[in-house]
Protein backbone atom coordinates (compact mmCIF):
# COMPACT_ATOMS: atom_id res chain seq x y z
CA MET A 1 -45.61 58.92 57.18
CA THR A 2 -46.04 61.03 54.13
CA ALA A 3 -48.41 59.52 51.35
CA GLU A 4 -44.48 58.65 49.33
CA TYR A 5 -43.31 56.74 51.87
CA ASP A 6 -44.48 53.12 53.19
CA ALA A 7 -41.79 51.42 55.47
CA THR A 8 -43.22 48.20 54.38
CA GLU A 9 -41.82 48.89 50.59
CA HIS A 10 -38.60 48.95 52.24
CA ALA A 11 -38.31 45.85 54.47
CA ASP A 12 -35.56 44.07 52.28
CA THR A 13 -34.01 47.05 50.75
CA LEU A 14 -30.32 47.75 51.02
CA TYR A 15 -29.33 50.55 53.59
CA TYR A 16 -25.89 52.75 52.69
CA ASP A 17 -24.87 56.01 55.06
CA VAL A 18 -23.94 57.40 51.36
CA VAL A 19 -25.35 56.41 47.95
CA ILE A 20 -23.37 58.35 45.11
CA VAL A 21 -24.87 58.42 41.71
CA GLY A 22 -22.15 58.37 38.90
CA ALA A 23 -18.93 56.40 38.37
CA GLY A 24 -17.67 59.25 36.80
CA LEU A 25 -14.51 61.38 36.96
CA SER A 26 -16.46 63.22 40.05
CA GLY A 27 -18.20 60.08 41.14
CA ILE A 28 -14.96 58.18 41.84
CA GLY A 29 -13.05 61.15 43.51
CA ALA A 30 -15.99 61.37 45.70
CA ALA A 31 -15.59 58.22 47.15
CA VAL A 32 -12.03 58.75 47.91
CA HIS A 33 -12.80 61.34 49.30
CA LEU A 34 -15.45 59.72 51.32
CA GLN A 35 -13.42 56.71 52.22
CA GLN A 36 -10.52 59.32 53.51
CA LYS A 37 -12.78 61.30 55.55
CA CYS A 38 -15.72 59.39 56.62
CA PRO A 39 -14.15 55.97 57.46
CA THR A 40 -16.86 54.59 59.19
CA LYS A 41 -19.67 55.48 56.24
CA SER A 42 -21.53 52.79 54.63
CA TYR A 43 -21.61 53.63 50.42
CA VAL A 44 -22.76 52.42 47.33
CA ILE A 45 -21.82 54.05 43.67
CA LEU A 46 -24.89 53.29 41.70
CA GLU A 47 -23.93 53.67 37.86
CA GLY A 48 -25.99 53.50 34.58
CA ARG A 49 -23.72 52.13 32.31
CA ASP A 50 -21.84 49.25 32.51
CA ALA A 51 -18.65 51.10 32.65
CA LEU A 52 -17.01 53.18 35.24
CA GLY A 53 -15.47 56.83 33.52
CA GLY A 54 -18.66 58.56 32.28
CA THR A 55 -17.74 61.04 30.04
CA TRP A 56 -14.41 59.61 29.26
CA ASP A 57 -15.83 55.68 28.44
CA LEU A 58 -19.12 57.69 26.29
CA PHE A 59 -16.92 59.53 24.14
CA ARG A 60 -15.21 57.50 21.76
CA TYR A 61 -14.94 59.91 18.42
CA PRO A 62 -11.28 60.34 17.12
CA GLY A 63 -9.12 62.14 18.88
CA VAL A 64 -11.33 62.62 21.90
CA ARG A 65 -9.16 64.26 24.70
CA SER A 66 -9.37 67.02 27.49
CA ASP A 67 -9.62 70.88 27.21
CA SER A 68 -8.49 71.20 30.59
CA ASP A 69 -4.71 70.38 31.74
CA MET A 70 -4.44 67.51 33.95
CA TYR A 71 -2.72 69.02 36.69
CA THR A 72 -5.84 70.69 37.32
CA LEU A 73 -8.99 67.90 35.71
CA GLY A 74 -6.66 65.43 37.79
CA TYR A 75 -7.60 64.80 41.58
CA ASN A 76 -6.10 66.87 44.44
CA PHE A 77 -4.77 63.57 46.03
CA LYS A 78 -3.65 61.45 43.32
CA PRO A 79 -0.72 63.10 41.08
CA TRP A 80 -1.01 62.86 36.96
CA ARG A 81 1.74 61.04 35.90
CA GLY A 82 1.33 60.89 32.25
CA ALA A 83 4.40 63.16 29.93
CA LYS A 84 1.82 64.79 28.30
CA SER A 85 -0.80 67.68 30.39
CA ILE A 86 -3.59 67.73 27.88
CA ALA A 87 -4.32 64.14 28.08
CA ASP A 88 -6.33 61.62 25.22
CA GLY A 89 -9.87 60.34 26.28
CA PRO A 90 -8.39 56.59 26.85
CA SER A 91 -5.34 58.07 29.02
CA ILE A 92 -7.82 59.86 30.95
CA LEU A 93 -10.19 56.97 31.47
CA THR A 94 -6.87 54.56 32.55
CA TYR A 95 -6.39 57.21 35.43
CA ILE A 96 -9.98 56.92 36.20
CA ALA A 97 -9.98 53.46 36.80
CA GLU A 98 -6.70 53.58 38.37
CA THR A 99 -8.17 55.59 40.99
CA ALA A 100 -10.80 53.10 41.78
CA ALA A 101 -8.64 49.79 41.64
CA GLU A 102 -6.28 51.89 44.20
CA ASN A 103 -8.50 52.76 46.52
CA ASP A 104 -10.98 49.47 46.41
CA ILE A 105 -13.70 51.89 44.75
CA ASP A 106 -14.38 49.35 42.24
CA ARG A 107 -15.75 46.81 44.53
CA GLN A 108 -18.81 49.52 45.73
CA ILE A 109 -20.11 50.01 41.98
CA ARG A 110 -23.13 48.48 40.60
CA TYR A 111 -23.11 48.90 37.16
CA GLY A 112 -26.54 48.82 35.11
CA HIS A 113 -28.23 50.24 37.70
CA ARG A 114 -30.31 53.51 36.49
CA VAL A 115 -31.62 56.08 39.58
CA LYS A 116 -34.96 57.03 38.16
CA THR A 117 -36.46 58.38 41.44
CA VAL A 118 -35.37 59.41 44.55
CA ILE A 119 -37.10 59.94 47.81
CA TRP A 120 -36.65 61.41 50.45
CA SER A 121 -38.70 60.86 54.31
CA SER A 122 -38.10 63.63 56.67
CA ASP A 123 -39.86 61.10 59.21
CA GLU A 124 -37.00 58.18 58.25
CA ALA A 125 -34.56 60.80 57.31
CA THR A 126 -34.55 58.84 54.50
CA TRP A 127 -33.37 59.11 50.86
CA THR A 128 -35.32 55.63 49.08
CA ILE A 129 -33.77 55.43 45.50
CA LYS A 130 -35.91 53.65 42.58
CA VAL A 131 -33.77 51.96 40.49
CA GLU A 132 -34.16 50.10 37.20
CA ARG A 133 -31.81 47.26 36.09
CA LYS A 134 -29.88 46.91 33.32
CA GLU A 135 -30.14 43.72 32.40
CA THR A 136 -33.78 43.05 34.08
CA GLY A 137 -35.98 45.84 33.40
CA GLU A 138 -36.51 45.33 37.20
CA THR A 139 -36.94 47.98 39.84
CA VAL A 140 -35.04 47.93 42.91
CA ARG A 141 -34.46 49.74 45.82
CA PHE A 142 -31.96 51.54 47.71
CA ARG A 143 -32.04 53.35 51.25
CA CYS A 144 -29.55 55.93 52.72
CA ASN A 145 -29.12 59.17 54.88
CA PHE A 146 -27.20 61.41 52.67
CA LEU A 147 -27.35 61.11 48.84
CA LEU A 148 -24.42 62.76 46.61
CA MET A 149 -25.40 63.31 42.74
CA CYS A 150 -22.78 62.63 40.10
CA ALA A 151 -24.30 62.22 37.46
CA GLY A 152 -23.20 64.96 34.93
CA TYR A 153 -24.50 67.97 33.92
CA TYR A 154 -25.89 65.85 30.05
CA SER A 155 -28.48 63.48 29.28
CA TYR A 156 -26.64 60.55 27.97
CA GLU A 157 -29.56 59.42 25.96
CA GLY A 158 -28.16 61.55 23.01
CA GLY A 159 -26.25 64.67 22.06
CA PHE A 160 -28.23 68.25 20.76
CA THR A 161 -28.85 68.25 17.46
CA PRO A 162 -31.03 70.82 15.59
CA PRO A 163 -33.63 70.36 13.00
CA PHE A 164 -31.96 70.66 9.27
CA LYS A 165 -33.54 71.11 6.59
CA GLY A 166 -33.74 68.61 4.14
CA SER A 167 -31.45 66.26 6.25
CA GLU A 168 -33.17 63.72 5.25
CA HIS A 169 -32.21 63.77 1.89
CA PHE A 170 -28.68 63.46 2.57
CA THR A 171 -27.57 60.29 1.07
CA GLY A 172 -24.44 60.30 3.29
CA GLU A 173 -23.82 59.23 6.76
CA ILE A 174 -25.03 61.90 9.73
CA ILE A 175 -23.28 61.31 12.84
CA HIS A 176 -23.19 63.29 16.24
CA PRO A 177 -19.86 62.77 18.52
CA GLN A 178 -21.74 61.41 21.12
CA GLN A 179 -23.31 58.40 19.23
CA TRP A 180 -19.90 57.92 17.29
CA PRO A 181 -19.85 54.23 15.34
CA GLU A 182 -16.76 52.54 15.91
CA GLU A 183 -16.34 50.68 12.53
CA LEU A 184 -17.47 54.17 11.02
CA ASP A 185 -14.67 54.35 7.93
CA TYR A 186 -13.55 57.92 6.97
CA ARG A 187 -10.66 57.26 4.64
CA GLY A 188 -10.72 59.34 1.60
CA LYS A 189 -14.22 60.81 2.50
CA GLN A 190 -15.11 64.54 2.14
CA VAL A 191 -16.34 65.21 5.78
CA VAL A 192 -18.12 68.43 7.19
CA ILE A 193 -18.17 68.71 10.58
CA ILE A 194 -21.17 71.53 11.78
CA GLY A 195 -20.32 73.28 14.72
CA SER A 196 -16.82 75.80 16.10
CA GLY A 197 -17.22 74.14 19.98
CA ALA A 198 -13.85 71.84 21.24
CA THR A 199 -15.02 68.75 19.87
CA ALA A 200 -15.06 69.74 16.21
CA MET A 201 -11.99 71.78 17.17
CA THR A 202 -10.68 68.12 18.39
CA LEU A 203 -12.22 66.31 15.35
CA VAL A 204 -11.11 68.52 12.59
CA PRO A 205 -7.23 67.22 13.09
CA ALA A 206 -7.80 63.85 13.80
CA LEU A 207 -10.19 63.07 10.91
CA ALA A 208 -8.29 65.61 8.44
CA ALA A 209 -5.05 62.79 8.91
CA ASP A 210 -7.38 60.22 6.71
CA ALA A 211 -9.78 61.64 5.34
CA ALA A 212 -9.94 63.22 1.75
CA HIS A 213 -11.01 66.81 2.97
CA VAL A 214 -12.57 67.78 6.49
CA VAL A 215 -14.45 71.23 6.63
CA MET A 216 -15.64 72.90 9.99
CA LEU A 217 -18.65 75.07 9.00
CA GLN A 218 -19.58 77.62 11.75
CA ARG A 219 -22.21 79.96 12.25
CA SER A 220 -19.85 82.57 14.05
CA PRO A 221 -16.34 81.84 14.79
CA THR A 222 -14.85 80.88 18.78
CA TYR A 223 -11.64 81.64 19.95
CA VAL A 224 -9.02 79.31 19.65
CA VAL A 225 -5.53 79.55 21.41
CA SER A 226 -2.64 76.97 20.76
CA ILE A 227 -0.96 75.24 23.82
CA PRO A 228 1.72 73.01 24.50
CA THR A 229 0.85 69.49 24.60
CA ALA A 230 2.97 69.08 27.62
CA ASP A 231 3.89 70.95 30.19
CA LYS A 232 7.99 71.86 30.22
CA LEU A 233 8.11 72.69 33.81
CA ALA A 234 6.47 69.71 35.08
CA ASN A 235 7.68 67.20 33.29
CA THR A 236 11.13 69.19 34.88
CA LEU A 237 9.93 69.29 38.53
CA ARG A 238 8.97 65.37 38.10
CA ARG A 239 12.78 64.60 37.53
CA PHE A 240 13.91 66.30 40.68
CA LEU A 241 11.19 66.34 43.39
CA PRO A 242 8.61 63.69 44.67
CA ASN A 243 5.52 63.15 42.18
CA ARG A 244 3.51 64.17 44.80
CA ILE A 245 5.35 67.75 45.44
CA ALA A 246 5.99 68.40 41.42
CA TYR A 247 2.22 67.43 40.95
CA THR A 248 0.95 70.04 43.66
CA LEU A 249 3.43 72.88 42.51
CA ILE A 250 2.40 72.21 39.16
CA ARG A 251 -1.28 71.88 40.18
CA TRP A 252 -1.42 74.96 42.10
CA LYS A 253 0.43 77.12 38.52
CA ASN A 254 -2.59 76.17 36.33
CA ILE A 255 -4.95 77.13 38.81
CA LYS A 256 -3.25 80.72 39.23
CA LEU A 257 -2.53 80.50 35.32
CA GLN A 258 -6.38 79.84 34.91
CA GLN A 259 -7.62 82.23 37.06
CA THR A 260 -5.66 85.00 36.22
CA VAL A 261 -6.28 84.52 32.43
CA TYR A 262 -10.12 84.97 33.67
CA GLN A 263 -9.38 87.30 35.38
CA ARG A 264 -7.91 89.39 32.80
CA CYS A 265 -10.80 88.48 29.77
CA ARG A 266 -13.37 89.92 31.80
CA ALA A 267 -11.27 92.96 32.97
CA GLU A 268 -9.20 93.67 29.47
CA PRO A 269 -11.69 91.97 26.86
CA GLU A 270 -10.41 93.82 24.48
CA ARG A 271 -6.85 93.79 25.08
CA VAL A 272 -6.80 90.25 24.71
CA LYS A 273 -9.06 89.68 22.17
CA GLU A 274 -6.44 91.20 20.20
CA LYS A 275 -3.78 89.46 21.31
CA MET A 276 -5.83 85.95 20.89
CA VAL A 277 -6.79 87.06 17.32
CA GLY A 278 -3.06 88.40 16.83
CA TRP A 279 -1.94 84.64 17.57
CA VAL A 280 -4.02 82.53 14.80
CA ARG A 281 -2.33 85.48 12.04
CA GLN A 282 0.89 84.38 13.73
CA ALA A 283 0.01 80.78 13.44
CA LEU A 284 -2.11 80.57 9.61
CA GLY A 285 0.03 83.79 8.56
CA PRO A 286 -1.02 87.03 6.98
CA ASP A 287 -2.81 85.82 3.67
CA TYR A 288 -5.81 84.17 5.57
CA ASP A 289 -8.62 85.19 6.61
CA VAL A 290 -8.88 85.78 10.19
CA ALA A 291 -11.06 88.69 10.62
CA THR A 292 -14.08 86.33 8.99
CA HIS A 293 -13.14 82.89 10.42
CA PHE A 294 -11.42 83.75 14.16
CA VAL A 295 -12.78 87.18 15.57
CA PRO A 296 -15.88 86.08 17.56
CA ARG A 297 -18.60 88.51 18.24
CA TYR A 298 -18.55 87.99 21.93
CA ASN A 299 -15.88 88.68 24.46
CA PRO A 300 -13.13 86.09 25.50
CA TRP A 301 -14.46 83.51 27.85
CA GLU A 302 -17.78 84.39 27.90
CA GLN A 303 -17.71 80.71 26.26
CA ARG A 304 -15.54 78.38 27.15
CA LEU A 305 -11.87 78.71 25.01
CA CYS A 306 -11.09 76.63 22.75
CA PHE A 307 -7.67 75.23 22.73
CA ALA A 308 -5.35 73.45 19.79
CA PRO A 309 -2.49 71.49 21.42
CA ASP A 310 0.75 72.11 19.66
CA GLY A 311 -1.03 73.96 17.35
CA ASP A 312 -3.12 70.63 15.67
CA PHE A 313 -5.83 72.64 14.05
CA PHE A 314 -3.98 75.47 12.56
CA LYS A 315 -1.48 72.33 10.92
CA ALA A 316 -4.48 70.67 9.45
CA ILE A 317 -5.66 73.43 7.56
CA ARG A 318 -1.94 75.22 6.68
CA ALA A 319 -1.78 71.87 5.06
CA GLY A 320 -4.75 72.14 3.33
CA ARG A 321 -5.95 68.97 4.86
CA ALA A 322 -9.03 70.94 6.73
CA SER A 323 -10.59 74.84 6.11
CA VAL A 324 -13.22 77.01 8.05
CA VAL A 325 -16.60 77.75 6.26
CA THR A 326 -18.24 80.73 8.21
CA ASP A 327 -21.91 80.73 7.36
CA HIS A 328 -25.46 79.53 7.52
CA ILE A 329 -27.01 76.42 6.66
CA ASP A 330 -30.33 77.17 4.02
CA THR A 331 -30.88 72.88 3.17
CA PHE A 332 -29.28 69.49 3.18
CA THR A 333 -29.12 68.24 -0.31
CA GLU A 334 -28.44 64.70 -1.80
CA THR A 335 -24.93 65.14 -1.77
CA GLY A 336 -24.12 67.62 0.86
CA ILE A 337 -24.77 70.62 2.59
CA ALA A 338 -26.04 74.56 0.09
CA LEU A 339 -25.55 77.26 2.17
CA LYS A 340 -27.09 80.85 2.81
CA SER A 341 -24.51 82.61 0.60
CA GLY A 342 -25.11 80.00 -2.32
CA GLN A 343 -22.22 77.83 -1.80
CA GLU A 344 -22.56 74.11 -1.28
CA LEU A 345 -20.38 71.82 0.91
CA LYS A 346 -20.10 68.39 -0.84
CA ALA A 347 -20.28 65.37 2.01
CA ASP A 348 -20.02 61.81 2.23
CA ILE A 349 -20.06 62.29 6.26
CA ILE A 350 -21.76 65.22 8.12
CA VAL A 351 -20.58 65.39 12.01
CA THR A 352 -23.56 67.50 13.93
CA ALA A 353 -21.26 68.48 16.59
CA THR A 354 -23.82 71.07 17.57
CA GLY A 355 -23.70 70.25 21.45
CA LEU A 356 -25.43 68.35 24.40
CA ASN A 357 -28.71 68.40 26.10
CA LEU A 358 -27.88 69.47 29.42
CA VAL A 359 -29.94 67.89 32.53
CA VAL A 360 -30.44 68.31 35.78
CA LEU A 361 -29.40 66.35 38.44
CA GLY A 362 -28.88 63.62 35.14
CA GLY A 363 -32.42 63.70 35.17
CA VAL A 364 -33.66 62.16 37.62
CA GLU A 365 -37.18 62.93 39.26
CA VAL A 366 -36.90 64.14 43.25
CA ILE A 367 -39.62 64.39 45.60
CA VAL A 368 -39.03 65.69 49.14
CA ASP A 369 -42.13 64.62 51.27
CA GLY A 370 -44.53 63.32 49.01
CA ARG A 371 -44.06 66.93 46.61
CA PRO A 372 -42.24 66.66 43.33
CA VAL A 373 -38.90 68.92 43.33
CA ASP A 374 -38.88 71.87 40.25
CA PHE A 375 -35.61 72.70 40.79
CA SER A 376 -36.00 75.73 38.89
CA LYS A 377 -37.96 77.21 41.36
CA ARG A 378 -34.96 76.61 44.32
CA TYR A 379 -31.79 78.74 45.01
CA THR A 380 -28.93 77.06 45.17
CA TYR A 381 -27.09 76.86 48.21
CA ARG A 382 -23.18 77.03 47.82
CA GLY A 383 -23.75 75.99 44.52
CA LEU A 384 -23.61 72.44 45.34
CA MET A 385 -27.23 72.28 47.25
CA PHE A 386 -30.52 73.54 47.31
CA SER A 387 -33.21 75.56 49.53
CA ASP A 388 -35.58 73.25 51.09
CA VAL A 389 -34.00 69.80 49.69
CA PRO A 390 -32.11 67.93 52.90
CA ASN A 391 -29.27 65.82 52.42
CA LEU A 392 -28.40 66.03 49.03
CA VAL A 393 -25.44 67.64 47.57
CA SER A 394 -25.05 67.50 43.57
CA THR A 395 -22.05 68.74 41.84
CA PHE A 396 -21.69 70.93 38.90
CA GLY A 397 -18.38 71.88 38.21
CA TYR A 398 -16.42 74.52 36.98
CA ILE A 399 -17.35 76.14 33.28
CA ASN A 400 -14.49 78.65 33.39
CA THR A 401 -11.96 76.00 34.63
CA SER A 402 -11.70 72.58 35.53
CA TRP A 403 -14.30 70.79 36.07
CA THR A 404 -12.32 68.83 39.15
CA LEU A 405 -11.36 71.11 40.91
CA ARG A 406 -15.13 71.64 41.81
CA ALA A 407 -15.96 68.31 42.12
CA ASP A 408 -13.19 68.13 45.08
CA LEU A 409 -14.34 71.12 46.75
CA ASN A 410 -17.98 69.38 46.72
CA ALA A 411 -16.78 66.28 47.72
CA GLU A 412 -14.43 67.43 50.84
CA TYR A 413 -17.55 69.70 51.56
CA MET A 414 -19.65 66.86 52.01
CA CYS A 415 -17.78 64.82 54.31
CA ARG A 416 -17.01 68.26 56.73
CA LEU A 417 -21.12 68.35 56.67
CA ILE A 418 -21.84 64.74 57.25
CA ASN A 419 -19.13 64.45 60.42
CA HIS A 420 -20.39 68.15 61.83
CA MET A 421 -23.94 66.39 61.74
CA ASP A 422 -22.47 63.58 63.63
CA LYS A 423 -20.65 65.31 65.65
CA LEU A 424 -24.33 67.58 66.72
CA GLY A 425 -25.97 63.75 66.59
CA VAL A 426 -28.69 65.30 64.12
CA ARG A 427 -29.38 63.26 60.87
CA GLN A 428 -31.19 65.83 58.88
CA CYS A 429 -29.61 69.56 56.94
CA THR A 430 -32.30 71.60 54.82
CA PRO A 431 -30.85 74.98 53.22
CA ARG A 432 -33.69 77.26 54.65
CA LEU A 433 -34.32 80.73 53.06
CA ARG A 434 -34.50 83.21 55.79
CA ALA A 435 -37.17 86.01 55.84
CA ASP A 436 -34.88 88.81 54.06
CA ASP A 437 -33.60 86.15 51.52
CA LEU A 438 -37.23 85.99 50.42
CA THR A 439 -37.11 89.09 48.60
CA MET A 440 -33.53 88.92 47.48
CA PRO A 441 -32.85 89.68 43.53
CA THR A 442 -32.50 86.60 41.55
CA ARG A 443 -29.87 85.87 39.07
CA PRO A 444 -29.15 82.54 36.44
CA PHE A 445 -27.45 79.40 38.14
CA ILE A 446 -24.22 80.63 35.87
CA GLN A 447 -23.89 84.48 34.74
CA ASN A 448 -22.10 86.10 31.64
CA PHE A 449 -21.37 82.62 29.84
CA SER A 450 -23.57 82.68 26.39
CA SER A 451 -22.26 78.97 25.21
CA GLY A 452 -25.74 77.19 23.17
CA TYR A 453 -25.84 74.44 25.87
CA VAL A 454 -26.11 76.27 28.71
CA GLN A 455 -28.78 79.07 27.64
CA ARG A 456 -31.03 77.02 26.23
CA ASN A 457 -31.47 75.18 29.09
CA MET A 458 -30.71 77.86 32.22
CA HIS A 459 -34.73 77.94 32.53
CA LEU A 460 -34.57 74.01 33.90
CA LEU A 461 -31.64 75.10 36.53
CA PRO A 462 -31.95 76.88 40.00
CA LYS A 463 -31.00 80.12 40.10
CA GLN A 464 -28.83 82.21 42.99
CA GLY A 465 -29.40 85.69 44.77
CA ASP A 466 -27.55 88.51 45.56
CA ARG A 467 -25.62 87.33 48.52
CA GLU A 468 -24.02 84.10 50.02
CA PRO A 469 -24.84 81.76 50.75
CA TRP A 470 -27.44 81.61 48.22
CA VAL A 471 -24.50 81.85 45.16
CA ASN A 472 -22.90 79.74 42.38
CA PRO A 473 -19.89 81.97 42.12
CA GLN A 474 -17.83 79.70 39.35
CA ASN A 475 -14.75 80.89 41.12
CA TYR A 476 -12.04 78.39 42.42
CA ARG A 477 -10.60 80.99 45.37
CA ARG A 478 -13.62 81.99 46.69
CA ASP A 479 -15.46 78.55 46.60
CA LYS A 480 -12.66 77.03 48.49
CA LYS A 481 -13.12 79.54 51.42
CA LEU A 482 -17.19 79.45 51.34
CA LEU A 483 -17.03 75.34 51.21
CA LEU A 484 -13.88 74.60 53.28
CA ARG A 485 -13.02 77.58 55.26
CA ASP A 486 -16.18 79.16 55.85
CA PRO A 487 -18.37 77.98 58.76
CA ILE A 488 -21.07 74.67 58.48
CA GLU A 489 -23.81 76.57 60.83
CA ASP A 490 -24.31 79.55 59.19
CA GLY A 491 -27.86 80.45 60.27
CA VAL A 492 -29.21 78.98 56.75
CA LEU A 493 -28.17 75.39 57.11
CA VAL A 494 -31.27 74.33 59.49
CA PHE A 495 -30.23 70.31 61.60
CA ASP A 496 -33.02 68.34 63.22
CA ASN A 497 -33.92 64.91 62.98
CA ASP A 498 -32.32 63.72 66.15
CA ALA A 499 -30.38 60.59 65.92
CA VAL A 500 -31.95 57.65 67.22
CA GLY A 501 -32.34 53.91 66.40
CA ASP A 502 -30.41 51.66 63.96
CA ASN A 503 -31.52 51.13 60.46
């Protein structure tokens, strides 16, 4: 026995073949895959909050929506039936809840169960999960053979807000979108939104409809592309084809389109940049200072593109209800924000759309055979497991396309792996560096991506190498081959701990 494992602690602990952490988009989808592909396996979903949905239940700010189309953000097994391809948050939450109800997954969710520590024992080929119950504060334990982490990539405790000089003097309200107050009344108010990412782009037109005026204050510009809210081809196909066939065709069309756009951005950045900036000029007219406010310093897709469904962001600017200011903050004042240029922005409400706090595996402490795991010193295996960490898959989606595309692949790979272990009659699989892997060059977990929320926390993430399977390609086509078609046994994944006895 290891120092961390005591069998007497677990005499009354519930055992499941698989524990899924997180009942958001990824966790609910993973449960469906598990039920379909590993029907004999028992499982439970542990959710720290009081409701399913993850991101789509947590974020309640005005206008919250997807920044990916629902034909790729939706699951590969459940067609999206909404009329809008770019969907609002409540519609996405309904889609997730429907998925859970239709597959009886909601019965497997333990709400208010926040996972704090997971402990692996090679002696038992078992994870022990220490959980804090929200209602009572007591610690309860679960055990399992396989652990799937679907807790997301950011802290639910709060978003990222940098220190702003003088913020204590501001007499209005300062709000981060992650903690949007339900009762906030912004009607007729002067609103300043700090930031220029997807959240800010969503908030501007949503608030501008009722606020006196909305200013989006940015340090530097972002690429913004107007896209249609509805996919006309998808809605046409659904009139003539069965829903599942139409969904599959549109899904693959959109996957191909996303990959083509991303590859073109990498291959011909200047040409793509010129075209994107040209679209903004068309949307805002020849007299608007596009060069100052909409020509980024980086190439397309070095950060996520921002989308304006049906051009709503640009419409708010043309209507005079919103404006963009590109400048640096000097200090907050009692009545607003003083800028480095000397200009002052008056505000009743300041919204800090300044990003997220990234965490690894939902901030859960991981211990393997008595030793805490520092993931920054581990290598990613196929982008979903970690060197020397047994029986654990973690879902981190794509930064250059829809999150769920990767989540589906991860869940399908996990099912392949579990079934293969059963075939071999083993209870443990562990990615192990080979002798020649020990000297391979290291690379960051995500390459060529400059967004602040990633760069601020890159040092916390595992490394990747220069060869398969120690890679995180962030490429759907390559991942599909790596996870669904390449052999499970690759000389790196070590299988041991023969399956004997009962739990």
